[in-house]
Amino acid sequence: MPELPEVEGVVESLRPYIVGKTIEKIHVSDQLVTSHEAGKQAIIKGLAPAAFSEAVQGFQIKQLTRRSKYMFFELEYDGQHAWMVGHLGMTGAWFPVNSLDDIKEAKFRNHIHVIFTLDDGSTLVYSDIRRFGELRFLHELHDHPPLLAMAPEPFTEEGLAHYLEMAELPKYKNKPIKVFIMDGHVISGCGNIYATEALFRMKIHPNRQVGRISKKRKNELYQAIVDVLKESIERGGSSISDYRNVNGGAGNMQHFLKMYGKKQCPSCGTQTKQMVIGGRTSTYCPVCQK
């Protein structure tokens, strides 16, 4: 699943192609229409596909930003402001193209679900192989309360203070540290890949209880999370499975991961182990991580 660095890469790359342009027309795939008719609301949330298309049409894209793992398209039309909020889910990908044939990989070309025709004749394409992504039109961000419950950005002093405050709450004391740092109410945008990497850097077992880690170590772990997220942003994210940037290219961070998906510990040579924590597979070194 794309995490914060991957979403940051998509936003930074996509912004020059779309900001300032107006959405003239929207086409939604038959699969999404059928899904909504069956009551499943694949990708487009909160509105029927036809209503979503009608709502978004005519708006100019004023800005594109990221919060946690979400993309925020700031929209404006005739003095009216609104938002289109996107999430890549497991396999979502955006392509700014002049022709659908410009999407080189067939697996993305064969799973196009929303096409935005822009006023300069170009198209903005959303493809999603597994259809776990999300597009939501909002007049105000508070119309979707979960967006307001996200933790502050991890690169801010507010993020650290919030994380330390959450660590003192009774409901988190007995939680595994891996579950804690992957909770979007605690830290924004830290998913399985970077949680695994940060815990390995700090030599902390992923199943260790939050309350059994000192405040000093919690501070150091937070810095390790920030460091690995920043490093991944600089390397274009981790292209594992189906993540691609807006030009169809891959990131490089996967070549620098030390523990995620590894069979052997790079520090001591011990065979790594895996366990399911909070519903996610966690890889760790049984010797180095305590």
C-alpha atoms as a PDB file:
ATOM      1  CA  MET A   1       0.000   0.000   0.000  1.00  0.00           C
ATOM      2  CA  PRO A   2       1.384   3.461  -0.847  1.00  0.00           C
ATOM      3  CA  GLU A   3       2.395   5.257   2.348  1.00  0.00           C
ATOM      4  CA  LEU A   4       3.190   8.906   3.080  1.00  0.00           C
ATOM      5  CA  PRO A   5       6.384   9.119   0.950  1.00  0.00           C
ATOM      6  CA  GLU A   6       4.699   7.549  -2.065  1.00  0.00           C
ATOM      7  CA  VAL A   7       1.697   9.871  -1.815  1.00  0.00           C
ATOM      8  CA  GLU A   8       4.030  12.855  -1.409  1.00  0.00           C
ATOM      9  CA  GLY A   9       5.809  11.817  -4.598  1.00  0.00           C
ATOM     10  CA  VAL A  10       2.545  11.553  -6.503  1.00  0.00           C
ATOM     11  CA  VAL A  11       1.373  14.971  -5.290  1.00  0.00           C
ATOM     12  CA  GLU A  12       4.661  16.713  -6.106  1.00  0.00           C
ATOM     13  CA  SER A  13       4.824  15.137  -9.563  1.00  0.00           C
ATOM     14  CA  LEU A  14       1.167  15.616 -10.431  1.00  0.00           C
ATOM     15  CA  ARG A  15       0.838  19.235  -9.324  1.00  0.00           C
ATOM     16  CA  PRO A  16       2.498  20.889 -12.379  1.00  0.00           C
ATOM     17  CA  TYR A  17       0.216  18.993 -14.757  1.00  0.00           C
ATOM     18  CA  ILE A  18      -3.124  19.939 -13.241  1.00  0.00           C
ATOM     19  CA  VAL A  19      -3.047  23.054 -11.047  1.00  0.00           C
ATOM     20  CA  GLY A  20      -4.833  25.938 -12.738  1.00  0.00           C
ATOM     21  CA  LYS A  21      -6.770  23.690 -15.100  1.00  0.00           C
ATOM     22  CA  THR A  22     -10.532  23.230 -15.174  1.00  0.00           C
ATOM     23  CA  ILE A  23     -12.351  19.903 -15.143  1.00  0.00           C
ATOM     24  CA  GLU A  24     -14.624  19.920 -18.171  1.00  0.00           C
ATOM     25  CA  LYS A  25     -15.890  16.346 -18.197  1.00  0.00           C
ATOM     26  CA  ILE A  26     -15.698  13.168 -16.089  1.00  0.00           C
ATOM     27  CA  HIS A  27     -16.083   9.595 -17.278  1.00  0.00           C
ATOM     28  CA  VAL A  28     -16.631   6.809 -14.734  1.00  0.00           C
ATOM     29  CA  SER A  29     -16.103   3.141 -15.592  1.00  0.00           C
ATOM     30  CA  ASP A  30     -18.995   0.717 -15.907  1.00  0.00           C
ATOM     31  CA  GLN A  31     -17.481  -1.349 -13.083  1.00  0.00           C
ATOM     32  CA  LEU A  32     -17.891   1.527 -10.639  1.00  0.00           C
ATOM     33  CA  VAL A  33     -21.441   2.199 -11.775  1.00  0.00           C
ATOM     34  CA  THR A  34     -22.307  -1.492 -11.317  1.00  0.00           C
ATOM     35  CA  SER A  35     -20.618  -1.521  -7.913  1.00  0.00           C
ATOM     36  CA  HIS A  36     -22.664   1.442  -6.720  1.00  0.00           C
ATOM     37  CA  GLU A  37     -25.868  -0.084  -8.031  1.00  0.00           C
ATOM     38  CA  ALA A  38     -25.040  -3.136  -5.909  1.00  0.00           C
ATOM     39  CA  GLY A  39     -24.510  -0.899  -2.862  1.00  0.00           C
ATOM     40  CA  LYS A  40     -20.719  -1.321  -2.620  1.00  0.00           C
ATOM     41  CA  GLN A  41     -19.502   2.223  -3.442  1.00  0.00           C
ATOM     42  CA  ALA A  42     -16.179   1.224  -5.009  1.00  0.00           C
ATOM     43  CA  ILE A  43     -13.708   4.162  -5.213  1.00  0.00           C
ATOM     44  CA  ILE A  44     -16.285   6.975  -5.410  1.00  0.00           C
ATOM     45  CA  LYS A  45     -17.594   7.529  -1.902  1.00  0.00           C
ATOM     46  CA  GLY A  46     -20.577   9.459  -0.591  1.00  0.00           C
ATOM     47  CA  LEU A  47     -22.152  10.127  -3.989  1.00  0.00           C
ATOM     48  CA  ALA A  48     -23.390   8.051  -6.889  1.00  0.00           C
ATOM     49  CA  PRO A  49     -21.012   8.161  -9.892  1.00  0.00           C
ATOM     50  CA  ALA A  50     -23.344  10.400 -11.900  1.00  0.00           C
ATOM     51  CA  ALA A  51     -23.780  12.801  -8.974  1.00  0.00           C
ATOM     52  CA  PHE A  52     -20.008  12.849  -8.373  1.00  0.00           C
ATOM     53  CA  SER A  53     -19.359  13.691 -12.041  1.00  0.00           C
ATOM     54  CA  GLU A  54     -21.941  16.471 -11.989  1.00  0.00           C
ATOM     55  CA  ALA A  55     -20.558  17.874  -8.728  1.00  0.00           C
ATOM     56  CA  VAL A  56     -16.925  18.039  -9.880  1.00  0.00           C
ATOM     57  CA  GLN A  57     -17.520  19.251 -13.438  1.00  0.00           C
ATOM     58  CA  GLY A  58     -16.657  22.898 -14.032  1.00  0.00           C
ATOM     59  CA  PHE A  59     -14.363  23.301 -11.048  1.00  0.00           C
ATOM     60  CA  GLN A  60     -10.841  24.628 -11.476  1.00  0.00           C
ATOM     61  CA  ILE A  61      -8.062  22.806  -9.610  1.00  0.00           C
ATOM     62  CA  LYS A  62      -6.532  25.594  -7.536  1.00  0.00           C
ATOM     63  CA  GLN A  63      -4.056  23.515  -5.531  1.00  0.00           C
ATOM     64  CA  LEU A  64      -3.030  19.944  -4.730  1.00  0.00           C
ATOM     65  CA  THR A  65      -1.641  19.035  -1.321  1.00  0.00           C
ATOM     66  CA  ARG A  66      -1.097  16.024   0.907  1.00  0.00           C
ATOM     67  CA  ARG A  67      -2.128  15.249   4.480  1.00  0.00           C
ATOM     68  CA  SER A  68      -1.056  11.886   5.837  1.00  0.00           C
ATOM     69  CA  LYS A  69      -1.846   9.435   3.003  1.00  0.00           C
ATOM     70  CA  TYR A  70      -4.608  11.593   1.502  1.00  0.00           C
ATOM     71  CA  MET A  71      -4.493  13.844  -1.557  1.00  0.00           C
ATOM     72  CA  PHE A  72      -6.437  17.106  -1.328  1.00  0.00           C
ATOM     73  CA  PHE A  73      -7.549  18.692  -4.601  1.00  0.00           C
ATOM     74  CA  GLU A  74      -8.624  22.242  -3.748  1.00  0.00           C
ATOM     75  CA  LEU A  75     -11.378  23.286  -6.177  1.00  0.00           C
ATOM     76  CA  GLU A  76     -13.010  26.592  -7.119  1.00  0.00           C
ATOM     77  CA  TYR A  77     -15.923  27.495  -9.398  1.00  0.00           C
ATOM     78  CA  ASP A  78     -17.603  30.892  -9.649  1.00  0.00           C
ATOM     79  CA  GLY A  79     -16.445  31.873  -6.151  1.00  0.00           C
ATOM     80  CA  GLN A  80     -17.478  28.541  -4.644  1.00  0.00           C
ATOM     81  CA  HIS A  81     -14.798  26.434  -2.942  1.00  0.00           C
ATOM     82  CA  ALA A  82     -14.851  22.658  -2.562  1.00  0.00           C
ATOM     83  CA  TRP A  83     -12.534  19.675  -2.221  1.00  0.00           C
ATOM     84  CA  MET A  84     -11.935  16.393  -3.940  1.00  0.00           C
ATOM     85  CA  VAL A  85     -10.123  14.092  -1.532  1.00  0.00           C
ATOM     86  CA  GLY A  86      -8.307  11.032  -2.827  1.00  0.00           C
ATOM     87  CA  HIS A  87      -6.686   7.968  -1.299  1.00  0.00           C
ATOM     88  CA  LEU A  88      -4.645   5.486  -3.340  1.00  0.00           C
ATOM     89  CA  GLY A  89      -5.753   2.434  -1.371  1.00  0.00           C
ATOM     90  CA  MET A  90      -3.657  -0.594  -2.286  1.00  0.00           C
ATOM     91  CA  THR A  91      -3.140  -0.104  -6.023  1.00  0.00           C
ATOM     92  CA  GLY A  92      -4.358   3.354  -7.020  1.00  0.00           C
ATOM     93  CA  ALA A  93      -2.361   5.397  -9.545  1.00  0.00           C
ATOM     94  CA  TRP A  94      -2.760   8.776 -11.268  1.00  0.00           C
ATOM     95  CA  PHE A  95      -1.688   9.478 -14.856  1.00  0.00           C
ATOM     96  CA  PRO A  96      -1.747  12.927 -16.526  1.00  0.00           C
ATOM     97  CA  VAL A  97      -1.768  11.992 -20.206  1.00  0.00           C
ATOM     98  CA  ASN A  98      -2.857  13.191 -23.630  1.00  0.00           C
ATOM     99  CA  SER A  99      -3.979   9.691 -24.649  1.00  0.00           C
ATOM    100  CA  LEU A 100      -4.827   6.539 -22.705  1.00  0.00           C
ATOM    101  CA  ASP A 101      -2.191   4.795 -24.806  1.00  0.00           C
ATOM    102  CA  ASP A 102       0.403   6.896 -22.956  1.00  0.00           C
ATOM    103  CA  ILE A 103      -0.160   4.627 -19.936  1.00  0.00           C
ATOM    104  CA  LYS A 104       2.499   2.037 -20.699  1.00  0.00           C
ATOM    105  CA  GLU A 105       1.655  -0.788 -18.267  1.00  0.00           C
ATOM    106  CA  ALA A 106      -1.359  -2.827 -19.358  1.00  0.00           C
ATOM    107  CA  LYS A 107      -2.361  -3.632 -15.771  1.00  0.00           C
ATOM    108  CA  PHE A 108      -3.031   0.072 -15.150  1.00  0.00           C
ATOM    109  CA  ARG A 109      -4.438   0.754 -18.614  1.00  0.00           C
ATOM    110  CA  ASN A 110      -6.912  -2.117 -18.165  1.00  0.00           C
ATOM    111  CA  HIS A 111      -8.174  -0.824 -14.830  1.00  0.00           C
ATOM    112  CA  ILE A 112      -8.990   2.811 -15.555  1.00  0.00           C
ATOM    113  CA  HIS A 113     -11.978   3.905 -13.492  1.00  0.00           C
ATOM    114  CA  VAL A 114     -12.195   7.695 -13.611  1.00  0.00           C
ATOM    115  CA  ILE A 115     -11.119   9.991 -16.473  1.00  0.00           C
ATOM    116  CA  PHE A 116     -11.096  13.761 -15.985  1.00  0.00           C
ATOM    117  CA  THR A 117     -10.973  15.749 -19.218  1.00  0.00           C
ATOM    118  CA  LEU A 118      -9.277  19.103 -18.584  1.00  0.00           C
ATOM    119  CA  ASP A 119      -9.776  22.387 -20.406  1.00  0.00           C
ATOM    120  CA  ASP A 120      -6.465  22.183 -22.276  1.00  0.00           C
ATOM    121  CA  GLY A 121      -7.486  18.870 -23.872  1.00  0.00           C
ATOM    122  CA  SER A 122      -5.326  16.723 -21.597  1.00  0.00           C
ATOM    123  CA  THR A 123      -6.732  14.025 -19.345  1.00  0.00           C
ATOM    124  CA  LEU A 124      -6.187  13.089 -15.731  1.00  0.00           C
ATOM    125  CA  VAL A 125      -6.681   9.349 -15.270  1.00  0.00           C
ATOM    126  CA  TYR A 126      -7.269   7.414 -12.067  1.00  0.00           C
ATOM    127  CA  SER A 127      -6.492   3.689 -12.365  1.00  0.00           C
ATOM    128  CA  ASP A 128      -6.977   1.187  -9.567  1.00  0.00           C
ATOM    129  CA  ILE A 129      -6.402  -2.540 -10.027  1.00  0.00           C
ATOM    130  CA  ARG A 130      -8.083  -3.665  -6.812  1.00  0.00           C
ATOM    131  CA  ARG A 131     -10.488  -0.720  -6.477  1.00  0.00           C
ATOM    132  CA  PHE A 132      -9.651  -0.073  -2.793  1.00  0.00           C
ATOM    133  CA  GLY A 133      -8.855   3.594  -3.440  1.00  0.00           C
ATOM    134  CA  GLU A 134     -11.127   6.502  -2.689  1.00  0.00           C
ATOM    135  CA  LEU A 135     -12.427   9.677  -4.325  1.00  0.00           C
ATOM    136  CA  ARG A 136     -14.745  11.907  -2.343  1.00  0.00           C
ATOM    137  CA  PHE A 137     -16.273  15.315  -3.232  1.00  0.00           C
ATOM    138  CA  LEU A 138     -16.738  17.620  -0.234  1.00  0.00           C
ATOM    139  CA  HIS A 139     -18.042  21.150   0.084  1.00  0.00           C
ATOM    140  CA  GLU A 140     -16.219  21.377   3.444  1.00  0.00           C
ATOM    141  CA  LEU A 141     -13.592  19.078   4.950  1.00  0.00           C
ATOM    142  CA  HIS A 142     -15.629  18.735   8.138  1.00  0.00           C
ATOM    143  CA  ASP A 143     -18.302  17.013   6.042  1.00  0.00           C
ATOM    144  CA  HIS A 144     -16.099  13.922   6.408  1.00  0.00           C
ATOM    145  CA  PRO A 145     -15.056  13.910  10.124  1.00  0.00           C
ATOM    146  CA  PRO A 146     -12.345  11.183   9.835  1.00  0.00           C
ATOM    147  CA  LEU A 147     -10.187  13.682   7.934  1.00  0.00           C
ATOM    148  CA  LEU A 148     -10.179  15.972  10.960  1.00  0.00           C
ATOM    149  CA  ALA A 149      -9.137  13.172  13.313  1.00  0.00           C
ATOM    150  CA  MET A 150      -5.768  12.570  11.649  1.00  0.00           C
ATOM    151  CA  ALA A 151      -2.650  13.179  13.714  1.00  0.00           C
ATOM    152  CA  PRO A 152      -0.490  16.213  12.856  1.00  0.00           C
ATOM    153  CA  GLU A 153       2.123  15.819  10.151  1.00  0.00           C
ATOM    154  CA  PRO A 154       5.105  13.829  11.487  1.00  0.00           C
ATOM    155  CA  PHE A 155       7.631  16.480  10.386  1.00  0.00           C
ATOM    156  CA  THR A 156       6.309  19.073  12.843  1.00  0.00           C
ATOM    157  CA  GLU A 157       6.876  19.755  16.540  1.00  0.00           C
ATOM    158  CA  GLU A 158       3.122  19.344  16.957  1.00  0.00           C
ATOM    159  CA  GLY A 159       3.457  15.831  15.575  1.00  0.00           C
ATOM    160  CA  LEU A 160       6.013  14.815  18.199  1.00  0.00           C
ATOM    161  CA  ALA A 161       4.070  16.390  21.060  1.00  0.00           C
ATOM    162  CA  HIS A 162       0.863  14.700  19.927  1.00  0.00           C
ATOM    163  CA  TYR A 163       2.596  11.302  19.649  1.00  0.00           C
ATOM    164  CA  LEU A 164       4.048  11.569  23.172  1.00  0.00           C
ATOM    165  CA  GLU A 165       0.670  12.638  24.541  1.00  0.00           C
ATOM    166  CA  MET A 166      -1.052   9.664  22.904  1.00  0.00           C
ATOM    167  CA  ALA A 167       1.571   7.311  24.351  1.00  0.00           C
ATOM    168  CA  GLU A 168       0.439   8.259  27.856  1.00  0.00           C
ATOM    169  CA  LEU A 169      -3.203   7.357  27.274  1.00  0.00           C
ATOM    170  CA  PRO A 170      -4.334   4.182  29.074  1.00  0.00           C
ATOM    171  CA  LYS A 171      -5.862   2.748  25.883  1.00  0.00           C
ATOM    172  CA  TYR A 172      -2.440   2.598  24.257  1.00  0.00           C
ATOM    173  CA  LYS A 173      -0.262   1.461  27.177  1.00  0.00           C
ATOM    174  CA  ASN A 174      -0.669  -2.253  26.487  1.00  0.00           C
ATOM    175  CA  LYS A 175      -0.775  -1.987  22.704  1.00  0.00           C
ATOM    176  CA  PRO A 176       2.115  -3.356  20.627  1.00  0.00           C
ATOM    177  CA  ILE A 177       4.386  -0.496  19.575  1.00  0.00           C
ATOM    178  CA  LYS A 178       3.917  -1.479  15.916  1.00  0.00           C
ATOM    179  CA  VAL A 179       0.149  -1.013  16.212  1.00  0.00           C
ATOM    180  CA  PHE A 180       0.661   2.286  18.029  1.00  0.00           C
ATOM    181  CA  ILE A 181       2.926   3.937  15.471  1.00  0.00           C
ATOM    182  CA  MET A 182       0.776   2.745  12.551  1.00  0.00           C
ATOM    183  CA  ASP A 183      -2.352   4.318  14.055  1.00  0.00           C
ATOM    184  CA  GLY A 184      -3.220   7.395  11.979  1.00  0.00           C
ATOM    185  CA  HIS A 185      -4.597   9.080  15.098  1.00  0.00           C
ATOM    186  CA  VAL A 186      -1.096   8.831  16.612  1.00  0.00           C
ATOM    187  CA  ILE A 187       1.243   9.445  13.655  1.00  0.00           C
ATOM    188  CA  SER A 188       0.101  10.495  10.195  1.00  0.00           C
ATOM    189  CA  GLY A 189       1.228   8.356   7.303  1.00  0.00           C
ATOM    190  CA  CYS A 190       3.410   5.716   8.969  1.00  0.00           C
ATOM    191  CA  GLY A 191       2.408   2.390   7.412  1.00  0.00           C
ATOM    192  CA  ASN A 192       3.786  -1.129   7.555  1.00  0.00           C
ATOM    193  CA  ILE A 193       6.931  -0.556   5.483  1.00  0.00           C
ATOM    194  CA  TYR A 194       8.286   2.418   7.391  1.00  0.00           C
ATOM    195  CA  ALA A 195       7.113   1.228  10.805  1.00  0.00           C
ATOM    196  CA  THR A 196       9.075  -1.987  10.176  1.00  0.00           C
ATOM    197  CA  GLU A 197      12.162  -0.029   9.132  1.00  0.00           C
ATOM    198  CA  ALA A 198      12.050   2.434  12.048  1.00  0.00           C
ATOM    199  CA  LEU A 199      11.612  -0.336  14.639  1.00  0.00           C
ATOM    200  CA  PHE A 200      14.571  -2.208  13.180  1.00  0.00           C
ATOM    201  CA  ARG A 201      16.725   0.928  13.267  1.00  0.00           C
ATOM    202  CA  MET A 202      15.864   1.323  16.946  1.00  0.00           C
ATOM    203  CA  LYS A 203      16.242  -2.423  17.696  1.00  0.00           C
ATOM    204  CA  ILE A 204      12.737  -2.520  19.175  1.00  0.00           C
ATOM    205  CA  HIS A 205      10.606  -5.659  18.863  1.00  0.00           C
ATOM    206  CA  PRO A 206       7.356  -4.797  17.016  1.00  0.00           C
ATOM    207  CA  ASN A 207       5.228  -6.570  19.632  1.00  0.00           C
ATOM    208  CA  ARG A 208       6.763  -4.751  22.614  1.00  0.00           C
ATOM    209  CA  GLN A 209       4.116  -2.922  24.634  1.00  0.00           C
ATOM    210  CA  VAL A 210       4.066   0.869  24.448  1.00  0.00           C
ATOM    211  CA  GLY A 211       4.155   1.158  28.232  1.00  0.00           C
ATOM    212  CA  ARG A 212       7.387  -0.864  28.393  1.00  0.00           C
ATOM    213  CA  ILE A 213       9.349   1.633  26.309  1.00  0.00           C
ATOM    214  CA  SER A 214      10.951   4.646  28.003  1.00  0.00           C
ATOM    215  CA  LYS A 215      10.089   8.192  26.994  1.00  0.00           C
ATOM    216  CA  LYS A 216      13.649   8.648  25.760  1.00  0.00           C
ATOM    217  CA  ARG A 217      13.322   5.632  23.489  1.00  0.00           C
ATOM    218  CA  LYS A 218       9.924   6.802  22.289  1.00  0.00           C
ATOM    219  CA  ASN A 219      11.483  10.123  21.323  1.00  0.00           C
ATOM    220  CA  GLU A 220      14.258   8.335  19.461  1.00  0.00           C
ATOM    221  CA  LEU A 221      11.790   6.055  17.711  1.00  0.00           C
ATOM    222  CA  TYR A 222       9.777   9.048  16.523  1.00  0.00           C
ATOM    223  CA  GLN A 223      12.926  10.585  15.062  1.00  0.00           C
ATOM    224  CA  ALA A 224      13.719   7.278  13.350  1.00  0.00           C
ATOM    225  CA  ILE A 225      10.253   7.318  11.777  1.00  0.00           C
ATOM    226  CA  VAL A 226      10.739  10.884  10.554  1.00  0.00           C
ATOM    227  CA  ASP A 227      14.184  10.026   9.188  1.00  0.00           C
ATOM    228  CA  VAL A 228      13.031   6.990   7.227  1.00  0.00           C
ATOM    229  CA  LEU A 229      10.012   8.864   5.839  1.00  0.00           C
ATOM    230  CA  LYS A 230      12.218  11.744   4.682  1.00  0.00           C
ATOM    231  CA  GLU A 231      14.751   9.347   3.185  1.00  0.00           C
ATOM    232  CA  SER A 232      12.006   7.598   1.255  1.00  0.00           C
ATOM    233  CA  ILE A 233      10.598  10.896  -0.054  1.00  0.00           C
ATOM    234  CA  GLU A 234      14.073  11.774  -1.352  1.00  0.00           C
ATOM    235  CA  ARG A 235      14.325   8.381  -3.082  1.00  0.00           C
ATOM    236  CA  GLY A 236      10.900   8.601  -4.711  1.00  0.00           C
ATOM    237  CA  GLY A 237       9.165   6.161  -2.375  1.00  0.00           C
ATOM    238  CA  SER A 238       9.142   2.377  -2.372  1.00  0.00           C
ATOM    239  CA  SER A 239       7.841   0.680  -5.518  1.00  0.00           C
ATOM    240  CA  ILE A 240       6.663  -2.593  -4.036  1.00  0.00           C
ATOM    241  CA  SER A 241       3.980  -4.417  -6.010  1.00  0.00           C
ATOM    242  CA  ASP A 242       1.803  -1.878  -7.840  1.00  0.00           C
ATOM    243  CA  TYR A 243       2.966   1.572  -6.737  1.00  0.00           C
ATOM    244  CA  ARG A 244       3.947   3.901  -9.601  1.00  0.00           C
ATOM    245  CA  ASN A 245       4.499   7.637  -9.785  1.00  0.00           C
ATOM    246  CA  VAL A 246       2.532   9.796 -12.229  1.00  0.00           C
ATOM    247  CA  ASN A 247       4.914   9.069 -15.097  1.00  0.00           C
ATOM    248  CA  GLY A 248       4.640   5.322 -14.585  1.00  0.00           C
ATOM    249  CA  GLY A 249       8.109   5.173 -13.049  1.00  0.00           C
ATOM    250  CA  ALA A 250       9.222   3.346  -9.940  1.00  0.00           C
ATOM    251  CA  GLY A 251      10.717   4.717  -6.736  1.00  0.00           C
ATOM    252  CA  ASN A 252      14.064   3.568  -5.363  1.00  0.00           C
ATOM    253  CA  MET A 253      13.568   3.245  -1.615  1.00  0.00           C
ATOM    254  CA  GLN A 254      12.825  -0.487  -1.875  1.00  0.00           C
ATOM    255  CA  HIS A 255      16.515  -1.016  -2.673  1.00  0.00           C
ATOM    256  CA  PHE A 256      17.527   0.559   0.651  1.00  0.00           C
ATOM    257  CA  LEU A 257      15.090  -1.163   3.021  1.00  0.00           C
ATOM    258  CA  LYS A 258      16.891  -3.117   5.737  1.00  0.00           C
ATOM    259  CA  MET A 259      14.141  -5.256   7.271  1.00  0.00           C
ATOM    260  CA  TYR A 260      10.823  -5.039   5.401  1.00  0.00           C
ATOM    261  CA  GLY A 261      10.416  -8.229   3.373  1.00  0.00           C
ATOM    262  CA  LYS A 262      13.926  -9.449   4.210  1.00  0.00           C
ATOM    263  CA  LYS A 263      14.846 -13.074   4.957  1.00  0.00           C
ATOM    264  CA  GLN A 264      18.080 -12.321   6.789  1.00  0.00           C
ATOM    265  CA  CYS A 265      19.068  -9.603   9.252  1.00  0.00           C
ATOM    266  CA  PRO A 266      21.651  -7.266   7.671  1.00  0.00           C
ATOM    267  CA  SER A 267      23.208  -6.588  11.086  1.00  0.00           C
ATOM    268  CA  CYS A 268      23.740 -10.061  12.559  1.00  0.00           C
ATOM    269  CA  GLY A 269      22.903 -12.458   9.729  1.00  0.00           C
ATOM    270  CA  THR A 270      20.129 -14.207  11.672  1.00  0.00           C
ATOM    271  CA  GLN A 271      17.122 -15.473   9.745  1.00  0.00           C
ATOM    272  CA  THR A 272      14.285 -13.004  10.238  1.00  0.00           C
ATOM    273  CA  LYS A 273      10.914 -13.955  11.686  1.00  0.00           C
ATOM    274  CA  GLN A 274       7.400 -12.837  10.957  1.00  0.00           C
ATOM    275  CA  MET A 275       4.322 -12.453  13.104  1.00  0.00           C
ATOM    276  CA  VAL A 276       0.914 -10.902  12.560  1.00  0.00           C
ATOM    277  CA  ILE A 277       0.442  -7.792  14.684  1.00  0.00           C
ATOM    278  CA  GLY A 278      -2.706  -5.726  14.376  1.00  0.00           C
ATOM    279  CA  GLY A 279      -3.679  -7.656  11.262  1.00  0.00           C
ATOM    280  CA  ARG A 280      -0.422  -6.854   9.448  1.00  0.00           C
ATOM    281  CA  THR A 281       2.579  -9.096   8.866  1.00  0.00           C
ATOM    282  CA  SER A 282       5.595  -7.819  10.798  1.00  0.00           C
ATOM    283  CA  THR A 283       9.131  -8.848   9.883  1.00  0.00           C
ATOM    284  CA  TYR A 284      11.790  -8.530  12.578  1.00  0.00           C
ATOM    285  CA  CYS A 285      15.141  -9.855  13.772  1.00  0.00           C
ATOM    286  CA  PRO A 286      14.710 -12.112  16.832  1.00  0.00           C
ATOM    287  CA  VAL A 287      18.267 -11.305  17.965  1.00  0.00           C
ATOM    288  CA  CYS A 288      18.607  -7.576  17.373  1.00  0.00           C
ATOM    289  CA  GLN A 289      15.073  -6.465  18.231  1.00  0.00           C
ATOM    290  CA  LYS A 290      14.023  -6.849  21.850  1.00  0.00           C
END
